[in-house]
N, C-alpha and C. Protein backbone atom coordinates (compact mmCIF):
# COMPACT_ATOMS: atom_id res chain seq x y z
N MET A 1 120.57 279.99 -90.73
CA MET A 1 120.49 278.71 -90.21
C MET A 1 120.54 278.35 -88.85
N SER A 2 119.90 277.42 -88.32
CA SER A 2 119.77 277.08 -86.92
C SER A 2 121.26 276.73 -86.34
N SER A 3 121.42 276.79 -85.16
CA SER A 3 122.36 276.40 -84.51
C SER A 3 122.27 274.85 -84.43
N ARG A 4 123.30 273.92 -84.40
CA ARG A 4 123.17 272.59 -84.70
C ARG A 4 122.38 271.91 -83.39
N GLY A 5 122.18 272.49 -82.53
CA GLY A 5 121.52 272.04 -81.36
C GLY A 5 119.99 272.03 -81.55
N HIS A 6 119.61 273.09 -82.31
CA HIS A 6 118.16 273.14 -82.42
C HIS A 6 117.65 273.12 -83.84
N ARG A 7 118.33 272.35 -85.05
CA ARG A 7 117.88 272.41 -86.37
C ARG A 7 116.51 271.73 -86.45
N LEU A 8 116.62 270.25 -85.97
CA LEU A 8 115.19 269.73 -86.05
C LEU A 8 114.05 270.16 -85.44
N ARG A 9 114.28 270.86 -84.42
CA ARG A 9 113.04 271.49 -83.66
C ARG A 9 112.77 272.83 -84.54
N ASP A 10 113.69 273.60 -84.98
CA ASP A 10 113.51 274.78 -85.79
C ASP A 10 112.85 274.35 -87.33
N ALA A 11 113.22 273.33 -87.89
CA ALA A 11 112.79 272.94 -89.05
C ALA A 11 111.20 272.65 -88.95
N LEU A 12 110.82 272.07 -87.99
CA LEU A 12 109.41 271.70 -87.40
C LEU A 12 108.58 272.79 -87.31
N ALA A 13 109.22 273.93 -86.77
CA ALA A 13 108.47 275.11 -86.30
C ALA A 13 108.18 276.37 -87.55
N GLU A 14 109.26 276.14 -88.42
CA GLU A 14 109.10 277.33 -89.36
C GLU A 14 108.02 277.28 -90.10
N PRO A 15 107.02 278.61 -90.06
CA PRO A 15 105.74 278.53 -90.79
C PRO A 15 105.61 278.37 -92.56
N GLU A 16 106.75 278.76 -93.01
CA GLU A 16 106.81 278.51 -94.35
C GLU A 16 107.16 277.27 -94.85
N VAL A 17 107.51 276.23 -93.87
CA VAL A 17 107.93 274.72 -94.30
C VAL A 17 106.82 273.79 -93.77
N ASN A 18 106.74 272.96 -94.75
CA ASN A 18 105.42 271.80 -94.35
C ASN A 18 106.44 270.85 -94.84
N ILE A 19 107.52 270.18 -93.76
CA ILE A 19 108.46 269.42 -94.23
C ILE A 19 108.01 268.06 -93.97
N THR A 20 108.75 267.12 -94.95
CA THR A 20 108.39 265.55 -94.87
C THR A 20 109.05 265.08 -93.65
N GLU A 21 108.99 263.88 -93.13
CA GLU A 21 109.58 263.08 -92.37
C GLU A 21 110.87 262.82 -92.88
N ASN A 22 111.25 262.57 -94.09
CA ASN A 22 112.45 262.32 -94.77
C ASN A 22 113.51 263.52 -94.50
N GLU A 23 112.71 264.76 -94.98
CA GLU A 23 113.52 265.79 -94.86
C GLU A 23 114.23 266.16 -93.48
N VAL A 24 113.27 265.85 -92.37
CA VAL A 24 113.95 266.07 -91.19
C VAL A 24 114.98 265.05 -90.97
N TRP A 25 114.75 263.81 -91.18
CA TRP A 25 115.59 262.67 -90.95
C TRP A 25 116.94 263.18 -91.66
N SER A 26 116.81 263.96 -92.61
CA SER A 26 117.91 264.17 -93.81
C SER A 26 118.86 265.35 -92.82
N ILE A 27 118.42 266.08 -91.94
CA ILE A 27 119.00 267.26 -91.16
C ILE A 27 119.76 266.45 -90.06
N LEU A 28 119.23 265.32 -89.39
CA LEU A 28 119.94 264.64 -88.44
C LEU A 28 120.93 263.88 -89.24
N HIS A 29 120.75 263.16 -90.11
CA HIS A 29 121.84 262.71 -90.72
C HIS A 29 122.75 263.64 -91.15
N SER A 30 122.77 264.62 -91.90
CA SER A 30 123.69 265.65 -92.39
C SER A 30 124.52 266.29 -91.33
N THR A 31 123.76 266.55 -90.07
CA THR A 31 124.38 267.03 -88.73
C THR A 31 125.35 265.96 -88.11
N VAL A 32 125.19 264.85 -88.16
CA VAL A 32 125.80 263.89 -87.69
C VAL A 32 127.36 263.41 -88.28
N ILE A 33 126.93 263.49 -89.47
CA ILE A 33 128.25 263.40 -90.48
C ILE A 33 129.08 264.62 -90.38
N ALA A 34 128.57 266.00 -90.19
CA ALA A 34 129.36 267.19 -90.60
C ALA A 34 130.10 267.09 -88.76
N CYS A 35 129.53 266.35 -87.94
CA CYS A 35 130.10 266.52 -86.67
C CYS A 35 131.20 265.32 -86.35
N ASP A 36 131.64 264.86 -87.52
CA ASP A 36 132.48 263.77 -87.63
C ASP A 36 131.72 262.29 -87.07
N GLY A 37 130.38 262.23 -87.22
CA GLY A 37 129.98 260.66 -86.71
C GLY A 37 130.05 259.90 -87.78
N GLU A 38 130.05 258.69 -87.59
CA GLU A 38 130.33 257.40 -88.80
C GLU A 38 129.02 257.22 -89.50
N TYR A 39 128.20 256.92 -88.72
CA TYR A 39 126.72 256.61 -89.79
C TYR A 39 125.46 256.66 -88.65
N VAL A 40 124.45 256.47 -88.97
CA VAL A 40 123.35 256.61 -88.49
C VAL A 40 122.65 254.97 -88.95
N GLU A 41 122.29 254.40 -87.95
CA GLU A 41 121.89 252.97 -88.23
C GLU A 41 120.38 252.61 -88.75
N THR A 42 119.62 253.61 -88.13
CA THR A 42 118.03 253.51 -88.41
C THR A 42 117.53 254.94 -88.80
N ARG A 43 116.18 254.44 -89.39
CA ARG A 43 115.63 256.05 -89.53
C ARG A 43 113.91 256.10 -89.02
N LEU A 44 114.25 255.45 -87.82
CA LEU A 44 113.20 255.60 -87.15
C LEU A 44 112.36 257.28 -86.72
N LEU A 45 111.87 257.77 -87.59
CA LEU A 45 111.26 258.89 -87.31
C LEU A 45 110.05 259.11 -88.04
N ASN A 46 109.01 259.12 -87.45
CA ASN A 46 107.50 259.19 -87.81
C ASN A 46 106.76 260.32 -87.20
N SER A 47 105.41 260.42 -87.96
CA SER A 47 104.64 261.47 -87.35
C SER A 47 103.17 260.86 -87.31
N GLY A 48 102.34 261.70 -86.67
CA GLY A 48 101.11 261.14 -86.76
C GLY A 48 100.68 260.03 -86.11
N PRO A 49 99.84 259.19 -86.92
CA PRO A 49 99.66 258.01 -86.74
C PRO A 49 100.68 256.85 -86.89
N LYS A 50 101.63 257.40 -87.37
CA LYS A 50 102.95 256.11 -87.39
C LYS A 50 103.48 256.35 -86.32
N THR A 51 103.58 257.21 -85.16
CA THR A 51 104.11 257.27 -84.25
C THR A 51 103.90 256.27 -83.11
N ASN A 52 102.90 255.49 -83.01
CA ASN A 52 102.22 254.37 -82.20
C ASN A 52 101.43 253.21 -83.05
N PRO A 53 102.20 251.95 -83.15
CA PRO A 53 103.49 251.51 -83.05
C PRO A 53 104.72 252.29 -83.60
N TRP A 54 105.73 252.65 -83.10
CA TRP A 54 106.76 253.50 -83.47
C TRP A 54 107.73 252.80 -84.42
N MET A 55 107.76 251.56 -84.49
CA MET A 55 108.88 251.10 -85.10
C MET A 55 108.72 251.14 -86.67
N GLN A 56 108.55 252.16 -87.17
CA GLN A 56 108.41 252.60 -88.85
C GLN A 56 109.34 253.48 -89.03
N GLU A 57 110.00 253.45 -90.14
CA GLU A 57 111.19 254.50 -90.88
C GLU A 57 110.40 255.64 -91.39
N SER A 58 111.19 256.72 -91.54
CA SER A 58 110.44 257.80 -92.04
C SER A 58 110.08 257.70 -93.70
N GLY A 59 109.16 258.58 -93.88
CA GLY A 59 108.71 258.52 -95.26
C GLY A 59 108.43 259.78 -95.83
N SER A 60 107.72 260.03 -96.70
CA SER A 60 107.33 261.25 -97.51
C SER A 60 105.92 262.13 -96.87
N ARG A 61 105.66 261.38 -95.53
CA ARG A 61 104.46 262.21 -94.87
C ARG A 61 104.83 263.48 -94.35
N ARG A 62 103.75 264.22 -94.84
CA ARG A 62 103.86 265.87 -93.92
C ARG A 62 103.25 265.90 -92.92
N ASN A 63 103.87 266.76 -91.82
CA ASN A 63 103.32 266.74 -90.49
C ASN A 63 102.89 267.87 -89.71
N ILE A 64 102.42 268.78 -90.46
CA ILE A 64 102.40 270.17 -89.51
C ILE A 64 101.06 269.85 -88.68
N GLY A 65 101.44 270.13 -87.21
CA GLY A 65 100.56 270.21 -86.20
C GLY A 65 100.50 268.58 -85.49
N GLU A 66 101.14 267.80 -85.97
CA GLU A 66 101.24 266.56 -85.41
C GLU A 66 102.25 266.35 -84.80
N THR A 67 102.35 265.29 -83.92
CA THR A 67 103.73 264.61 -83.10
C THR A 67 104.50 263.76 -83.97
N VAL A 68 105.79 264.45 -83.84
CA VAL A 68 106.81 263.75 -84.76
C VAL A 68 107.79 262.95 -83.46
N GLN A 69 108.21 261.72 -83.71
CA GLN A 69 109.10 261.27 -82.92
C GLN A 69 110.35 260.66 -83.51
N LEU A 70 111.28 260.61 -83.18
CA LEU A 70 112.87 260.27 -83.50
C LEU A 70 113.35 259.27 -82.42
N ASP A 71 113.59 258.22 -82.92
CA ASP A 71 114.35 257.27 -81.87
C ASP A 71 115.41 256.50 -83.13
N THR A 72 116.54 256.93 -82.77
CA THR A 72 117.47 256.41 -84.19
C THR A 72 118.90 256.18 -83.12
N ASP A 73 119.69 255.30 -83.73
CA ASP A 73 120.98 255.10 -83.09
C ASP A 73 122.18 255.53 -84.21
N VAL A 74 122.97 255.91 -83.76
CA VAL A 74 124.38 256.57 -84.52
C VAL A 74 125.40 256.29 -83.95
N VAL A 75 126.50 255.86 -84.78
CA VAL A 75 127.93 255.70 -84.40
C VAL A 75 128.46 256.89 -84.58
N GLY A 76 128.70 257.35 -83.71
CA GLY A 76 129.55 258.75 -83.69
C GLY A 76 130.78 258.93 -83.64
N PRO A 77 131.49 259.62 -83.29
CA PRO A 77 132.81 260.26 -83.22
C PRO A 77 133.67 259.01 -82.32
N PHE A 78 134.71 258.51 -83.12
CA PHE A 78 135.48 257.37 -82.38
C PHE A 78 134.60 256.26 -81.93
N GLY A 79 133.68 255.95 -82.88
CA GLY A 79 132.76 254.73 -82.32
C GLY A 79 131.86 254.96 -81.43
N TYR A 80 131.76 256.00 -80.69
CA TYR A 80 130.77 255.79 -79.58
C TYR A 80 129.32 255.64 -80.11
N TYR A 81 128.47 254.77 -79.42
CA TYR A 81 127.11 254.62 -79.82
C TYR A 81 126.24 255.59 -79.22
N VAL A 82 125.13 256.04 -80.00
CA VAL A 82 124.53 257.12 -79.21
C VAL A 82 123.01 256.97 -79.69
N ASP A 83 121.98 256.66 -78.81
CA ASP A 83 120.62 256.66 -78.96
C ASP A 83 119.94 258.18 -78.89
N PHE A 84 119.48 258.33 -79.95
CA PHE A 84 118.85 259.80 -79.97
C PHE A 84 117.26 259.50 -79.94
N SER A 85 116.56 260.09 -78.97
CA SER A 85 115.27 259.48 -78.79
C SER A 85 114.66 261.03 -78.53
N ARG A 86 113.96 261.84 -79.47
CA ARG A 86 113.21 263.07 -79.11
C ARG A 86 111.76 263.02 -79.64
N THR A 87 110.95 264.10 -79.06
CA THR A 87 109.76 264.09 -79.61
C THR A 87 109.41 265.45 -79.85
N PHE A 88 108.88 266.00 -80.87
CA PHE A 88 108.58 267.46 -81.08
C PHE A 88 107.02 267.31 -81.55
N THR A 89 106.63 268.68 -81.47
CA THR A 89 105.27 268.77 -82.16
C THR A 89 105.43 269.78 -83.43
N ALA A 90 105.25 269.36 -84.70
CA ALA A 90 105.37 270.01 -86.04
C ALA A 90 104.38 271.11 -85.99
N GLY A 91 105.06 272.32 -86.12
CA GLY A 91 104.27 273.56 -85.96
C GLY A 91 104.20 274.33 -84.90
N TYR A 92 105.02 273.73 -83.61
CA TYR A 92 105.25 274.58 -82.43
C TYR A 92 105.94 275.73 -82.61
N GLY A 93 105.60 276.93 -82.23
CA GLY A 93 106.04 278.27 -82.16
C GLY A 93 105.14 279.22 -83.35
N LEU A 94 104.28 278.44 -84.38
CA LEU A 94 103.58 278.99 -85.26
C LEU A 94 102.58 280.02 -84.37
N PRO A 95 102.04 281.00 -84.75
CA PRO A 95 101.05 281.85 -83.99
C PRO A 95 99.91 281.06 -83.74
N SER A 96 99.40 280.39 -84.49
CA SER A 96 98.10 279.65 -84.56
C SER A 96 98.24 278.28 -83.84
N PHE A 97 99.31 277.80 -83.22
CA PHE A 97 99.72 276.40 -82.80
C PHE A 97 98.82 276.42 -81.48
N GLN A 98 98.38 275.11 -81.41
CA GLN A 98 97.63 274.76 -79.97
C GLN A 98 97.73 273.52 -80.10
N ALA A 99 98.71 272.68 -79.15
CA ALA A 99 98.98 271.18 -78.63
C ALA A 99 97.26 270.84 -78.54
N THR A 100 97.09 269.66 -78.88
CA THR A 100 95.87 268.87 -78.58
C THR A 100 95.96 268.44 -77.25
N LYS A 101 94.63 267.95 -76.72
CA LYS A 101 94.73 267.41 -75.39
C LYS A 101 95.55 266.07 -75.28
N LYS A 102 95.13 265.48 -76.17
CA LYS A 102 96.33 264.23 -76.41
C LYS A 102 97.37 264.34 -76.35
N GLN A 103 98.05 265.26 -77.22
CA GLN A 103 99.52 265.57 -77.12
C GLN A 103 99.95 266.07 -75.85
N LYS A 104 99.36 266.87 -75.10
CA LYS A 104 99.77 267.33 -73.77
C LYS A 104 99.85 266.15 -72.77
N LYS A 105 98.75 265.29 -72.79
CA LYS A 105 98.49 264.12 -71.89
C LYS A 105 99.72 263.23 -71.92
N HIS A 106 100.03 263.19 -73.35
CA HIS A 106 101.29 262.17 -73.70
C HIS A 106 102.83 262.99 -73.22
N TYR A 107 102.62 264.08 -73.40
CA TYR A 107 103.74 265.12 -72.90
C TYR A 107 103.97 264.84 -71.30
N ASN A 108 103.05 265.19 -70.89
CA ASN A 108 103.10 265.20 -69.26
C ASN A 108 103.51 263.47 -68.81
N LEU A 109 102.82 262.62 -69.38
CA LEU A 109 103.10 261.40 -68.99
C LEU A 109 104.54 261.02 -69.32
N ALA A 110 105.15 261.32 -70.24
CA ALA A 110 106.40 261.19 -70.63
C ALA A 110 107.58 261.82 -69.93
N LEU A 111 107.21 262.89 -69.66
CA LEU A 111 108.16 263.82 -68.81
C LEU A 111 108.02 263.23 -67.19
N GLU A 112 107.02 262.71 -66.66
CA GLU A 112 106.78 262.29 -65.47
C GLU A 112 107.66 260.90 -65.26
N MET A 113 107.49 260.22 -66.48
CA MET A 113 108.18 259.00 -66.63
C MET A 113 109.76 259.17 -66.34
N VAL A 114 109.99 260.24 -67.26
CA VAL A 114 111.57 260.27 -67.43
C VAL A 114 112.15 261.26 -66.15
N LYS A 115 111.54 261.80 -65.34
CA LYS A 115 111.93 262.26 -64.30
C LYS A 115 112.00 261.29 -63.11
N HIS A 116 111.01 260.41 -62.95
CA HIS A 116 110.87 259.27 -62.03
C HIS A 116 112.18 258.59 -62.39
N ASN A 117 112.37 257.77 -63.51
CA ASN A 117 113.20 256.99 -63.86
C ASN A 117 114.63 257.61 -63.53
N MET A 118 114.79 258.64 -63.97
CA MET A 118 116.31 259.36 -64.15
C MET A 118 116.62 259.49 -62.31
N ALA A 119 115.66 259.69 -61.46
CA ALA A 119 115.92 259.81 -60.33
C ALA A 119 116.39 258.29 -59.55
N LEU A 120 116.34 257.37 -60.06
CA LEU A 120 116.62 255.89 -59.88
C LEU A 120 117.96 255.73 -60.29
N LEU A 121 118.45 256.32 -61.50
CA LEU A 121 119.73 255.91 -62.00
C LEU A 121 120.83 256.56 -61.32
N LYS A 122 121.61 256.24 -60.12
CA LYS A 122 122.54 256.68 -59.61
C LYS A 122 123.81 255.74 -59.34
N PRO A 123 125.18 256.06 -58.98
CA PRO A 123 125.94 254.86 -58.85
C PRO A 123 125.38 254.10 -57.82
N GLY A 124 125.75 252.67 -57.93
CA GLY A 124 125.15 251.78 -57.19
C GLY A 124 124.09 251.11 -57.30
N ALA A 125 123.19 251.55 -58.26
CA ALA A 125 121.93 251.48 -58.28
C ALA A 125 121.97 249.94 -59.05
N SER A 126 121.16 248.82 -58.15
CA SER A 126 121.04 247.49 -58.82
C SER A 126 119.86 247.81 -59.75
N PHE A 127 120.30 246.32 -60.81
CA PHE A 127 119.18 246.36 -61.86
C PHE A 127 117.80 246.02 -61.25
N ASP A 128 117.73 245.18 -60.10
CA ASP A 128 116.39 244.92 -59.57
C ASP A 128 115.58 246.27 -59.23
N ASN A 129 116.29 247.22 -58.26
CA ASN A 129 116.05 248.13 -57.81
C ASN A 129 115.52 249.26 -59.00
N VAL A 130 116.10 249.30 -59.84
CA VAL A 130 115.66 250.06 -61.24
C VAL A 130 114.20 249.49 -61.68
N THR A 131 114.55 248.14 -61.82
CA THR A 131 113.23 247.38 -62.51
C THR A 131 112.21 247.46 -61.61
N PHE A 132 111.97 247.35 -60.40
CA PHE A 132 110.87 247.38 -59.69
C PHE A 132 110.41 248.47 -58.98
N ASN A 133 111.29 249.69 -58.92
CA ASN A 133 111.14 251.08 -58.52
C ASN A 133 110.65 251.95 -59.81
N ALA A 134 110.78 251.56 -60.90
CA ALA A 134 110.46 252.08 -62.33
C ALA A 134 109.21 252.75 -62.20
N TRP A 135 108.85 253.94 -63.02
CA TRP A 135 107.70 254.44 -63.18
C TRP A 135 106.82 253.29 -63.98
N PRO A 136 105.57 253.40 -63.37
CA PRO A 136 104.59 252.25 -63.85
C PRO A 136 103.99 252.52 -65.27
N ILE A 137 104.33 251.76 -66.03
CA ILE A 137 103.67 252.25 -67.57
C ILE A 137 101.85 251.87 -67.20
N PRO A 138 101.39 252.96 -67.92
CA PRO A 138 99.84 252.72 -67.48
C PRO A 138 99.51 251.34 -68.65
N GLU A 139 98.28 251.04 -68.33
CA GLU A 139 97.85 249.84 -68.90
C GLU A 139 97.47 249.96 -70.26
N GLU A 140 97.03 251.29 -70.59
CA GLU A 140 96.74 251.59 -72.06
C GLU A 140 98.02 251.58 -72.99
N PHE A 141 99.09 251.83 -72.51
CA PHE A 141 100.40 251.72 -73.36
C PHE A 141 100.98 250.47 -73.30
N GLN A 142 100.70 249.47 -72.57
CA GLN A 142 101.30 248.19 -72.22
C GLN A 142 101.62 247.33 -73.54
N GLY A 143 100.48 247.46 -74.52
CA GLY A 143 100.63 246.68 -76.05
C GLY A 143 101.72 247.15 -76.78
N HIS A 144 102.32 248.49 -76.84
CA HIS A 144 103.30 249.09 -77.61
C HIS A 144 104.54 249.34 -76.78
N LYS A 145 104.71 248.93 -75.72
CA LYS A 145 105.90 249.25 -74.71
C LYS A 145 107.30 248.58 -75.44
N TYR A 146 108.41 249.35 -75.30
CA TYR A 146 109.51 248.73 -75.78
C TYR A 146 110.17 247.75 -74.87
N HIS A 147 110.83 246.42 -75.56
CA HIS A 147 111.22 245.54 -74.82
C HIS A 147 112.00 245.73 -73.36
N VAL A 148 112.63 246.79 -73.28
CA VAL A 148 113.10 247.24 -72.30
C VAL A 148 112.67 248.33 -71.49
N GLN A 149 112.82 248.54 -70.30
CA GLN A 149 112.58 249.91 -69.92
C GLN A 149 113.73 250.88 -69.91
N THR A 150 114.87 250.47 -69.94
CA THR A 150 116.00 251.33 -70.00
C THR A 150 117.14 250.52 -70.54
N HIS A 151 118.02 251.40 -71.20
CA HIS A 151 119.04 250.76 -71.75
C HIS A 151 120.39 251.67 -71.79
N GLY A 152 121.35 251.11 -71.75
CA GLY A 152 122.68 251.61 -71.77
C GLY A 152 123.11 251.90 -73.41
N THR A 153 124.15 252.62 -73.33
CA THR A 153 124.98 252.70 -74.65
C THR A 153 126.39 252.82 -74.58
N GLY A 154 127.03 252.33 -75.60
CA GLY A 154 128.78 252.55 -75.19
C GLY A 154 129.40 252.59 -76.63
N MET A 155 130.31 251.61 -76.77
CA MET A 155 131.03 251.64 -77.96
C MET A 155 130.40 251.03 -79.05
N THR A 156 129.41 249.99 -78.85
CA THR A 156 128.44 249.30 -79.88
C THR A 156 127.37 248.88 -78.85
N GLY A 157 126.11 248.75 -79.30
CA GLY A 157 125.22 248.18 -78.51
C GLY A 157 124.51 248.94 -77.47
N GLU A 158 123.52 248.25 -76.71
CA GLU A 158 122.59 248.96 -76.03
C GLU A 158 122.77 248.46 -74.42
N TYR A 159 123.83 247.48 -73.89
CA TYR A 159 123.95 246.94 -72.83
C TYR A 159 124.26 248.29 -71.71
N PRO A 160 123.74 247.88 -70.46
CA PRO A 160 123.02 247.20 -69.95
C PRO A 160 121.42 247.23 -70.29
N TYR A 161 120.79 246.08 -70.17
CA TYR A 161 119.28 246.15 -70.45
C TYR A 161 118.66 246.04 -68.99
N ILE A 162 117.76 247.03 -68.67
CA ILE A 162 117.00 246.86 -67.58
C ILE A 162 115.49 246.57 -68.07
N PHE A 163 115.06 245.22 -67.58
CA PHE A 163 113.81 244.83 -68.13
C PHE A 163 112.66 245.36 -67.50
N HIS A 164 111.37 245.06 -67.95
CA HIS A 164 110.23 245.43 -67.08
C HIS A 164 109.74 244.75 -66.00
N PRO A 165 109.31 244.83 -65.02
CA PRO A 165 109.03 243.71 -64.10
C PRO A 165 108.33 242.73 -64.35
N SER A 166 107.62 242.60 -65.57
CA SER A 166 106.77 241.35 -66.17
C SER A 166 107.81 240.39 -66.51
N ASP A 167 109.12 240.92 -66.91
CA ASP A 167 110.00 240.11 -67.68
C ASP A 167 111.23 239.61 -66.97
N TRP A 168 111.41 240.03 -65.62
CA TRP A 168 112.28 239.83 -64.45
C TRP A 168 112.69 238.60 -64.43
N ALA A 169 111.74 237.54 -64.55
CA ALA A 169 111.88 236.16 -64.01
C ALA A 169 112.73 235.33 -65.38
N SER A 170 112.37 235.94 -66.38
CA SER A 170 113.05 235.44 -67.86
C SER A 170 114.10 236.16 -68.27
N HIS A 171 114.30 237.62 -68.18
CA HIS A 171 115.53 237.90 -68.39
C HIS A 171 116.25 239.07 -67.56
N GLY A 172 115.66 239.17 -66.34
CA GLY A 172 116.36 239.96 -65.17
C GLY A 172 117.71 239.49 -64.83
């Protein structure tokens, strides 16, 4: 059995397993409960064509070789709210695995965005500084962007909200 830290990734990489979205999601849920978490709020785990737009719940779809996205909210131990967002490629680790050009492109863009925006998040950073200096989302992804570019977590909920520059006047 995998260590708790890599159970999802390992389940998607095992050659003898062609696992469904629901089976992958159940690993997350059972691990949260085993670690004294209270509950998982959503089942936003999708693969392949269901990843964009991403706001779809897990299902019986099998996903070897496809991108698998997880974005779910958990009320963990002592009521702390956690937002898990992870992306995997099913089949990674198999001898015949080869990421597609599109998967490599999306991975590199996501990594660039995360590194850029993380560098902005430091003590004393203002909402407007983070908003207007954030990594610019390419035009091809504007139609499916999340309603905020960054959000916090805490005892429940996702405050503070850092909005996109286009939404600053009405929400910032």
